[in-house]
Amino acid sequence: MNPLRWSFRAQFLLGFLICVALLGYAIYLQLHDGLEPCPLCIFQRIAFAALGVMFLLGALHAPRGKGARKVYGFLAFVAAAAGIGVAGRHVWVQVMPRDAMSSCGPPLSFLSETMGPFEVLRTVLTGTGDCGNVDWRFLGLSMPMWSLVWFMLLAAWALYAGFRARGPRKLF
């Protein structure tokens, strides 16, 4: 069975399941292997969760109209684009030389207690130090690099599922 020909519901359900699997694996690495997430990692998890919610809402609604499918595809794309931005920034931080960067700063919990949400976002996105550590690799890519790859794939998947032309429905 070709997933490119699946129904909108099945395609969005697959996107949701991929987001759940990626978040589950990140939590497994944190709890089992002791990999503590940096602030940029936490924002990537939030973006995966938002993307997963958009995929789930689209799968549950499963609209028949082209316009509604396009809205879900666009909203999922926006969530993925936010993740692409954060993951891209994280990859950039990791590839920059250590001496060219400043400290990532205090943990996210401390920042959220002492600053407003926009200040926290600005501080995290400009922070670097701990966010530049590469503690995990698979096939030569760090976790933020894999996140970037998955965000790009899921963004393309959301657009494809939401905007592809669908033929007439068959009864059987």
N, C-alpha and C. Protein backbone atom coordinates (compact mmCIF):
# COMPACT_ATOMS: atom_id res chain seq x y z
N MET A 1 0.83 -1.18 0.00
CA MET A 1 0.00 0.00 0.00
C MET A 1 0.88 1.25 0.00
N ASN A 2 0.63 2.13 -0.87
CA ASN A 2 1.43 3.33 -1.05
C ASN A 2 0.92 4.46 -0.14
N PRO A 3 1.74 4.93 0.84
CA PRO A 3 1.27 5.99 1.74
C PRO A 3 0.99 7.31 1.04
N LEU A 4 1.52 7.49 -0.16
CA LEU A 4 1.24 8.72 -0.91
C LEU A 4 -0.20 8.74 -1.43
N ARG A 5 -0.86 7.59 -1.47
CA ARG A 5 -2.23 7.50 -1.96
C ARG A 5 -3.24 7.31 -0.82
N TRP A 6 -2.75 7.32 0.44
CA TRP A 6 -3.64 7.15 1.58
C TRP A 6 -4.60 8.33 1.69
N SER A 7 -5.63 8.15 2.47
CA SER A 7 -6.59 9.23 2.72
C SER A 7 -5.93 10.32 3.55
N PHE A 8 -6.55 11.47 3.56
CA PHE A 8 -6.07 12.59 4.37
C PHE A 8 -5.95 12.17 5.83
N ARG A 9 -6.98 11.48 6.33
CA ARG A 9 -6.97 11.04 7.73
C ARG A 9 -5.77 10.14 8.02
N ALA A 10 -5.53 9.17 7.16
CA ALA A 10 -4.42 8.24 7.38
C ALA A 10 -3.08 8.97 7.29
N GLN A 11 -2.95 9.90 6.36
CA GLN A 11 -1.70 10.63 6.23
C GLN A 11 -1.43 11.51 7.46
N PHE A 12 -2.47 12.18 7.96
CA PHE A 12 -2.29 13.01 9.15
C PHE A 12 -2.09 12.14 10.39
N LEU A 13 -2.72 10.99 10.44
CA LEU A 13 -2.51 10.09 11.57
C LEU A 13 -1.06 9.59 11.58
N LEU A 14 -0.51 9.30 10.42
CA LEU A 14 0.89 8.90 10.33
C LEU A 14 1.80 10.02 10.84
N GLY A 15 1.52 11.26 10.45
CA GLY A 15 2.31 12.40 10.93
C GLY A 15 2.24 12.50 12.45
N PHE A 16 1.05 12.31 13.01
CA PHE A 16 0.89 12.34 14.47
C PHE A 16 1.71 11.24 15.13
N LEU A 17 1.64 10.03 14.60
CA LEU A 17 2.38 8.91 15.19
C LEU A 17 3.89 9.12 15.12
N ILE A 18 4.36 9.73 14.06
CA ILE A 18 5.79 10.02 13.96
C ILE A 18 6.19 11.04 15.03
N CYS A 19 5.39 12.07 15.22
CA CYS A 19 5.68 13.07 16.27
C CYS A 19 5.70 12.42 17.65
N VAL A 20 4.74 11.55 17.92
CA VAL A 20 4.68 10.86 19.21
C VAL A 20 5.93 9.98 19.40
N ALA A 21 6.32 9.26 18.35
CA ALA A 21 7.50 8.41 18.43
C ALA A 21 8.76 9.23 18.68
N LEU A 22 8.90 10.36 18.00
CA LEU A 22 10.08 11.20 18.19
C LEU A 22 10.13 11.79 19.60
N LEU A 23 8.99 12.26 20.09
CA LEU A 23 8.94 12.78 21.46
C LEU A 23 9.20 11.66 22.47
N GLY A 24 8.63 10.50 22.24
CA GLY A 24 8.86 9.36 23.12
C GLY A 24 10.32 8.98 23.19
N TYR A 25 11.00 8.99 22.05
CA TYR A 25 12.41 8.65 22.02
C TYR A 25 13.25 9.70 22.75
N ALA A 26 12.90 10.96 22.58
CA ALA A 26 13.62 12.02 23.29
C ALA A 26 13.45 11.88 24.80
N ILE A 27 12.25 11.56 25.24
CA ILE A 27 12.01 11.38 26.67
C ILE A 27 12.72 10.13 27.17
N TYR A 28 12.75 9.08 26.37
CA TYR A 28 13.49 7.87 26.73
C TYR A 28 14.97 8.20 26.93
N LEU A 29 15.55 8.93 25.99
CA LEU A 29 16.97 9.28 26.13
C LEU A 29 17.22 10.13 27.37
N GLN A 30 16.27 10.97 27.70
CA GLN A 30 16.42 11.81 28.89
C GLN A 30 16.34 10.96 30.16
N LEU A 31 15.32 10.12 30.27
CA LEU A 31 15.10 9.37 31.50
C LEU A 31 15.99 8.14 31.63
N HIS A 32 16.24 7.45 30.54
CA HIS A 32 17.02 6.22 30.60
C HIS A 32 18.52 6.47 30.46
N ASP A 33 18.91 7.31 29.51
CA ASP A 33 20.33 7.53 29.26
C ASP A 33 20.88 8.78 29.93
N GLY A 34 20.03 9.57 30.55
CA GLY A 34 20.49 10.74 31.29
C GLY A 34 20.87 11.93 30.44
N LEU A 35 20.37 12.02 29.22
CA LEU A 35 20.65 13.18 28.37
C LEU A 35 19.69 14.31 28.73
N GLU A 36 20.17 15.30 29.43
CA GLU A 36 19.33 16.42 29.84
C GLU A 36 19.15 17.39 28.68
N PRO A 37 17.93 17.79 28.39
CA PRO A 37 17.68 18.70 27.26
C PRO A 37 18.08 20.13 27.61
N CYS A 38 18.68 20.80 26.65
CA CYS A 38 18.98 22.22 26.81
C CYS A 38 17.71 23.02 26.46
N PRO A 39 17.71 24.32 26.69
CA PRO A 39 16.51 25.11 26.36
C PRO A 39 16.08 25.00 24.90
N LEU A 40 17.03 24.97 23.97
CA LEU A 40 16.64 24.83 22.56
C LEU A 40 16.02 23.46 22.29
N CYS A 41 16.50 22.42 22.99
CA CYS A 41 15.89 21.09 22.85
C CYS A 41 14.45 21.11 23.34
N ILE A 42 14.21 21.81 24.43
CA ILE A 42 12.86 21.88 24.98
C ILE A 42 11.93 22.58 24.00
N PHE A 43 12.41 23.66 23.37
CA PHE A 43 11.58 24.35 22.38
C PHE A 43 11.32 23.47 21.16
N GLN A 44 12.28 22.62 20.80
CA GLN A 44 12.04 21.69 19.70
C GLN A 44 10.98 20.66 20.09
N ARG A 45 11.02 20.21 21.33
CA ARG A 45 9.99 19.29 21.80
C ARG A 45 8.62 19.95 21.76
N ILE A 46 8.55 21.21 22.14
CA ILE A 46 7.29 21.94 22.10
C ILE A 46 6.79 22.03 20.66
N ALA A 47 7.71 22.29 19.73
CA ALA A 47 7.32 22.38 18.32
C ALA A 47 6.84 21.02 17.81
N PHE A 48 7.51 19.92 18.20
CA PHE A 48 7.03 18.59 17.80
C PHE A 48 5.65 18.31 18.39
N ALA A 49 5.44 18.73 19.65
CA ALA A 49 4.13 18.53 20.28
C ALA A 49 3.05 19.33 19.55
N ALA A 50 3.35 20.59 19.21
CA ALA A 50 2.39 21.42 18.48
C ALA A 50 2.09 20.81 17.11
N LEU A 51 3.12 20.34 16.44
CA LEU A 51 2.94 19.70 15.14
C LEU A 51 2.10 18.44 15.28
N GLY A 52 2.39 17.65 16.31
CA GLY A 52 1.61 16.44 16.55
C GLY A 52 0.14 16.74 16.82
N VAL A 53 -0.12 17.81 17.58
CA VAL A 53 -1.51 18.21 17.86
C VAL A 53 -2.21 18.60 16.57
N MET A 54 -1.53 19.34 15.70
CA MET A 54 -2.15 19.73 14.43
C MET A 54 -2.45 18.51 13.57
N PHE A 55 -1.50 17.56 13.54
CA PHE A 55 -1.74 16.32 12.79
C PHE A 55 -2.92 15.55 13.39
N LEU A 56 -2.99 15.46 14.72
CA LEU A 56 -4.07 14.73 15.37
C LEU A 56 -5.42 15.40 15.11
N LEU A 57 -5.48 16.72 15.24
CA LEU A 57 -6.74 17.43 14.97
C LEU A 57 -7.20 17.21 13.54
N GLY A 58 -6.28 17.28 12.60
CA GLY A 58 -6.63 17.04 11.20
C GLY A 58 -7.10 15.62 10.97
N ALA A 59 -6.44 14.65 11.62
CA ALA A 59 -6.84 13.26 11.46
C ALA A 59 -8.20 13.00 12.08
N LEU A 60 -8.46 13.58 13.24
CA LEU A 60 -9.76 13.37 13.88
C LEU A 60 -10.90 14.04 13.10
N HIS A 61 -10.63 15.22 12.58
CA HIS A 61 -11.66 15.94 11.83
C HIS A 61 -11.85 15.31 10.45
N ALA A 62 -10.76 14.98 9.79
CA ALA A 62 -10.78 14.39 8.45
C ALA A 62 -11.75 15.10 7.53
N PRO A 63 -11.51 16.39 7.26
CA PRO A 63 -12.47 17.14 6.45
C PRO A 63 -12.53 16.61 5.02
N ARG A 64 -13.70 16.72 4.45
CA ARG A 64 -13.88 16.31 3.05
C ARG A 64 -13.57 17.46 2.08
N GLY A 65 -13.73 18.68 2.55
CA GLY A 65 -13.51 19.82 1.67
C GLY A 65 -12.04 20.16 1.49
N LYS A 66 -11.73 20.60 0.27
CA LYS A 66 -10.34 20.97 -0.04
C LYS A 66 -9.85 22.10 0.85
N GLY A 67 -10.70 23.10 1.07
CA GLY A 67 -10.30 24.27 1.85
C GLY A 67 -9.88 23.91 3.27
N ALA A 68 -10.65 23.07 3.92
CA ALA A 68 -10.34 22.68 5.30
C ALA A 68 -9.07 21.83 5.34
N ARG A 69 -8.88 20.95 4.37
CA ARG A 69 -7.64 20.15 4.33
C ARG A 69 -6.44 21.06 4.14
N LYS A 70 -6.60 22.09 3.31
CA LYS A 70 -5.49 23.03 3.10
C LYS A 70 -5.18 23.81 4.37
N VAL A 71 -6.22 24.17 5.12
CA VAL A 71 -5.99 24.89 6.39
C VAL A 71 -5.19 24.02 7.35
N TYR A 72 -5.59 22.76 7.50
CA TYR A 72 -4.85 21.85 8.38
C TYR A 72 -3.42 21.66 7.88
N GLY A 73 -3.25 21.50 6.59
CA GLY A 73 -1.90 21.34 6.03
C GLY A 73 -1.05 22.56 6.30
N PHE A 74 -1.65 23.75 6.14
CA PHE A 74 -0.91 24.99 6.38
C PHE A 74 -0.56 25.15 7.86
N LEU A 75 -1.52 24.88 8.75
CA LEU A 75 -1.26 25.02 10.19
C LEU A 75 -0.19 24.04 10.66
N ALA A 76 -0.22 22.82 10.15
CA ALA A 76 0.83 21.85 10.49
C ALA A 76 2.17 22.33 9.94
N PHE A 77 2.15 22.90 8.74
CA PHE A 77 3.38 23.43 8.16
C PHE A 77 3.94 24.56 9.02
N VAL A 78 3.09 25.43 9.53
CA VAL A 78 3.55 26.54 10.38
C VAL A 78 4.22 26.00 11.64
N ALA A 79 3.62 24.98 12.26
CA ALA A 79 4.24 24.37 13.45
C ALA A 79 5.60 23.76 13.09
N ALA A 80 5.66 23.09 11.95
CA ALA A 80 6.93 22.50 11.51
C ALA A 80 7.95 23.59 11.18
N ALA A 81 7.50 24.68 10.59
CA ALA A 81 8.42 25.78 10.27
C ALA A 81 9.01 26.40 11.53
N ALA A 82 8.20 26.51 12.59
CA ALA A 82 8.73 26.99 13.86
C ALA A 82 9.81 26.04 14.37
N GLY A 83 9.55 24.75 14.26
CA GLY A 83 10.55 23.76 14.66
C GLY A 83 11.80 23.83 13.79
N ILE A 84 11.62 24.07 12.49
CA ILE A 84 12.78 24.22 11.60
C ILE A 84 13.64 25.40 12.04
N GLY A 85 12.97 26.49 12.43
CA GLY A 85 13.72 27.66 12.89
C GLY A 85 14.52 27.38 14.15
N VAL A 86 13.90 26.73 15.12
CA VAL A 86 14.60 26.44 16.38
C VAL A 86 15.70 25.41 16.16
N ALA A 87 15.39 24.33 15.43
CA ALA A 87 16.39 23.30 15.17
C ALA A 87 17.54 23.85 14.32
N GLY A 88 17.22 24.71 13.35
CA GLY A 88 18.27 25.33 12.54
C GLY A 88 19.19 26.18 13.38
N ARG A 89 18.60 26.94 14.31
CA ARG A 89 19.41 27.75 15.22
C ARG A 89 20.29 26.85 16.09
N HIS A 90 19.75 25.74 16.56
CA HIS A 90 20.50 24.82 17.40
C HIS A 90 21.66 24.19 16.63
N VAL A 91 21.41 23.80 15.40
CA VAL A 91 22.48 23.25 14.57
C VAL A 91 23.56 24.30 14.36
N TRP A 92 23.16 25.54 14.10
CA TRP A 92 24.13 26.62 13.90
C TRP A 92 24.99 26.80 15.15
N VAL A 93 24.35 26.75 16.32
CA VAL A 93 25.08 26.89 17.58
C VAL A 93 26.09 25.75 17.73
N GLN A 94 25.69 24.55 17.34
CA GLN A 94 26.59 23.40 17.50
C GLN A 94 27.78 23.43 16.55
N VAL A 95 27.62 23.99 15.39
CA VAL A 95 28.73 23.99 14.43
C VAL A 95 29.66 25.19 14.57
N MET A 96 29.24 26.19 15.34
CA MET A 96 30.11 27.36 15.56
C MET A 96 31.25 26.97 16.50
N PRO A 97 32.43 27.61 16.31
CA PRO A 97 33.54 27.34 17.23
C PRO A 97 33.17 27.75 18.65
N ARG A 98 33.64 26.99 19.63
CA ARG A 98 33.32 27.24 21.04
C ARG A 98 33.74 28.63 21.50
N ASP A 99 34.90 29.10 21.08
CA ASP A 99 35.39 30.40 21.56
C ASP A 99 34.61 31.57 20.97
N ALA A 100 33.82 31.34 19.95
CA ALA A 100 33.04 32.42 19.34
C ALA A 100 31.68 32.57 20.00
N MET A 101 31.35 31.70 20.95
CA MET A 101 30.02 31.69 21.53
C MET A 101 30.07 32.06 23.01
N SER A 102 28.94 32.55 23.52
CA SER A 102 28.81 32.82 24.93
C SER A 102 28.07 31.67 25.61
N SER A 103 27.83 31.77 26.88
CA SER A 103 27.16 30.72 27.64
C SER A 103 25.69 30.65 27.28
N CYS A 104 25.13 29.45 27.37
CA CYS A 104 23.70 29.25 27.13
C CYS A 104 22.89 29.89 28.25
N GLY A 105 23.50 30.05 29.37
CA GLY A 105 22.83 30.69 30.48
C GLY A 105 22.19 29.70 31.42
N PRO A 106 21.38 30.22 32.35
CA PRO A 106 20.75 29.35 33.35
C PRO A 106 19.70 28.43 32.73
N PRO A 107 19.25 27.43 33.51
CA PRO A 107 18.22 26.52 32.99
C PRO A 107 16.92 27.24 32.67
N LEU A 108 16.13 26.61 31.84
CA LEU A 108 14.87 27.19 31.39
C LEU A 108 13.92 27.46 32.56
N SER A 109 13.94 26.60 33.57
CA SER A 109 13.05 26.80 34.73
C SER A 109 13.38 28.11 35.46
N PHE A 110 14.67 28.42 35.61
CA PHE A 110 15.06 29.67 36.26
C PHE A 110 14.67 30.87 35.39
N LEU A 111 14.91 30.75 34.09
CA LEU A 111 14.57 31.85 33.19
C LEU A 111 13.07 32.14 33.22
N SER A 112 12.25 31.09 33.23
CA SER A 112 10.80 31.32 33.21
C SER A 112 10.30 31.91 34.53
N GLU A 113 11.02 31.69 35.62
CA GLU A 113 10.63 32.27 36.91
C GLU A 113 11.04 33.74 37.01
N THR A 114 12.08 34.13 36.31
CA THR A 114 12.62 35.48 36.48
C THR A 114 12.34 36.42 35.32
N MET A 115 11.84 35.91 34.21
CA MET A 115 11.62 36.74 33.02
C MET A 115 10.23 36.50 32.46
N GLY A 116 9.80 37.42 31.61
CA GLY A 116 8.57 37.25 30.87
C GLY A 116 8.78 36.28 29.72
N PRO A 117 7.69 35.81 29.10
CA PRO A 117 7.83 34.80 28.04
C PRO A 117 8.63 35.27 26.83
N PHE A 118 8.49 36.53 26.45
CA PHE A 118 9.24 37.01 25.28
C PHE A 118 10.72 37.18 25.60
N GLU A 119 11.04 37.58 26.83
CA GLU A 119 12.44 37.67 27.24
C GLU A 119 13.08 36.29 27.30
N VAL A 120 12.32 35.30 27.79
CA VAL A 120 12.83 33.93 27.84
C VAL A 120 13.12 33.44 26.43
N LEU A 121 12.19 33.66 25.51
CA LEU A 121 12.37 33.24 24.13
C LEU A 121 13.60 33.90 23.51
N ARG A 122 13.75 35.21 23.72
CA ARG A 122 14.91 35.92 23.18
C ARG A 122 16.21 35.41 23.79
N THR A 123 16.22 35.18 25.09
CA THR A 123 17.42 34.71 25.78
C THR A 123 17.81 33.32 25.29
N VAL A 124 16.83 32.43 25.16
CA VAL A 124 17.11 31.07 24.73
C VAL A 124 17.62 31.04 23.29
N LEU A 125 16.97 31.82 22.43
CA LEU A 125 17.38 31.79 21.01
C LEU A 125 18.71 32.48 20.77
N THR A 126 19.16 33.33 21.69
CA THR A 126 20.47 33.94 21.54
C THR A 126 21.52 33.23 22.38
N GLY A 127 21.09 32.36 23.29
CA GLY A 127 22.04 31.61 24.12
C GLY A 127 22.73 30.54 23.31
N THR A 128 23.83 30.05 23.86
CA THR A 128 24.58 29.09 23.08
C THR A 128 25.28 28.01 23.91
N GLY A 129 26.19 28.28 24.72
CA GLY A 129 27.12 27.39 25.42
C GLY A 129 26.69 25.94 25.57
N ASP A 130 25.82 25.62 26.55
CA ASP A 130 25.38 24.24 26.77
C ASP A 130 24.63 23.71 25.56
N CYS A 131 23.99 24.59 24.84
CA CYS A 131 23.25 24.18 23.65
C CYS A 131 24.20 23.74 22.54
N GLY A 132 25.47 24.08 22.67
CA GLY A 132 26.46 23.70 21.68
C GLY A 132 27.07 22.33 21.93
N ASN A 133 26.79 21.72 23.08
CA ASN A 133 27.31 20.38 23.37
C ASN A 133 26.64 19.35 22.48
N VAL A 134 27.45 18.42 21.99
CA VAL A 134 26.93 17.30 21.21
C VAL A 134 27.13 16.05 22.04
N ASP A 135 26.05 15.60 22.68
CA ASP A 135 26.12 14.44 23.57
C ASP A 135 25.66 13.15 22.91
N TRP A 136 25.05 13.23 21.75
CA TRP A 136 24.45 12.07 21.11
C TRP A 136 24.60 12.22 19.60
N ARG A 137 24.95 11.14 18.94
CA ARG A 137 25.03 11.13 17.47
C ARG A 137 24.47 9.81 16.95
N PHE A 138 23.88 9.89 15.77
CA PHE A 138 23.43 8.70 15.05
C PHE A 138 23.73 8.95 13.58
N LEU A 139 24.47 8.05 12.97
CA LEU A 139 24.90 8.17 11.58
C LEU A 139 25.61 9.50 11.33
N GLY A 140 26.34 9.97 12.33
CA GLY A 140 27.13 11.19 12.19
C GLY A 140 26.37 12.49 12.42
N LEU A 141 25.07 12.41 12.68
CA LEU A 141 24.28 13.62 12.90
C LEU A 141 23.88 13.72 14.37
N SER A 142 23.93 14.94 14.88
CA SER A 142 23.52 15.19 16.26
C SER A 142 22.00 15.21 16.35
N MET A 143 21.48 15.23 17.57
CA MET A 143 20.03 15.22 17.75
C MET A 143 19.36 16.43 17.10
N PRO A 144 19.90 17.68 17.27
CA PRO A 144 19.26 18.81 16.58
C PRO A 144 19.29 18.68 15.05
N MET A 145 20.32 18.04 14.53
CA MET A 145 20.37 17.83 13.08
C MET A 145 19.27 16.87 12.65
N TRP A 146 19.07 15.80 13.44
CA TRP A 146 17.98 14.87 13.14
C TRP A 146 16.63 15.56 13.29
N SER A 147 16.51 16.40 14.32
CA SER A 147 15.25 17.15 14.49
C SER A 147 14.98 18.01 13.27
N LEU A 148 16.00 18.68 12.77
CA LEU A 148 15.85 19.51 11.58
C LEU A 148 15.39 18.68 10.39
N VAL A 149 15.99 17.52 10.20
CA VAL A 149 15.60 16.63 9.11
C VAL A 149 14.13 16.23 9.26
N TRP A 150 13.73 15.82 10.47
CA TRP A 150 12.35 15.39 10.69
C TRP A 150 11.37 16.54 10.54
N PHE A 151 11.73 17.73 11.02
CA PHE A 151 10.83 18.87 10.83
C PHE A 151 10.63 19.16 9.35
N MET A 152 11.70 19.08 8.56
CA MET A 152 11.57 19.35 7.12
C MET A 152 10.72 18.28 6.44
N LEU A 153 10.94 17.01 6.81
CA LEU A 153 10.13 15.93 6.22
C LEU A 153 8.66 16.07 6.60
N LEU A 154 8.40 16.36 7.86
CA LEU A 154 7.01 16.49 8.31
C LEU A 154 6.34 17.74 7.74
N ALA A 155 7.11 18.80 7.52
CA ALA A 155 6.55 20.00 6.87
C ALA A 155 6.12 19.67 5.44
N ALA A 156 6.98 18.95 4.73
CA ALA A 156 6.64 18.55 3.36
C ALA A 156 5.45 17.59 3.36
N TRP A 157 5.41 16.67 4.33
CA TRP A 157 4.31 15.72 4.44
C TRP A 157 2.98 16.44 4.68
N ALA A 158 3.00 17.44 5.58
CA ALA A 158 1.78 18.20 5.89
C ALA A 158 1.28 18.93 4.65
N LEU A 159 2.20 19.56 3.91
CA LEU A 159 1.79 20.26 2.70
C LEU A 159 1.26 19.30 1.65
N TYR A 160 1.93 18.16 1.50
CA TYR A 160 1.48 17.18 0.52
C TYR A 160 0.09 16.67 0.87
N ALA A 161 -0.09 16.28 2.14
CA ALA A 161 -1.39 15.73 2.56
C ALA A 161 -2.50 16.77 2.45
N GLY A 162 -2.19 18.02 2.78
CA GLY A 162 -3.21 19.05 2.76
C GLY A 162 -3.53 19.60 1.39
N PHE A 163 -2.57 19.57 0.49
CA PHE A 163 -2.76 20.24 -0.80
C PHE A 163 -2.82 19.31 -2.00
N ARG A 164 -2.66 18.02 -1.80
CA ARG A 164 -2.67 17.13 -2.97
C ARG A 164 -4.08 17.00 -3.52
N ALA A 165 -4.14 16.85 -4.84
CA ALA A 165 -5.44 16.66 -5.49
C ALA A 165 -5.91 15.23 -5.22
N ARG A 166 -7.16 15.09 -4.90
CA ARG A 166 -7.72 13.78 -4.58
C ARG A 166 -8.79 13.44 -5.61
N GLY A 167 -8.78 12.23 -6.04
CA GLY A 167 -9.77 11.77 -7.02
C GLY A 167 -11.10 11.53 -6.36
N PRO A 168 -12.08 11.16 -7.14
CA PRO A 168 -13.41 10.89 -6.58
C PRO A 168 -13.34 9.69 -5.62
N ARG A 169 -14.15 9.76 -4.58
CA ARG A 169 -14.16 8.68 -3.60
C ARG A 169 -14.88 7.46 -4.18
N LYS A 170 -14.33 6.29 -3.88
CA LYS A 170 -14.96 5.04 -4.30
C LYS A 170 -15.73 4.50 -3.11
N LEU A 171 -16.85 3.87 -3.41
CA LEU A 171 -17.65 3.31 -2.32
C LEU A 171 -16.98 2.09 -1.73
N PHE A 172 -16.31 1.28 -2.53
CA PHE A 172 -15.66 0.07 -2.03
C PHE A 172 -14.23 0.05 -2.41
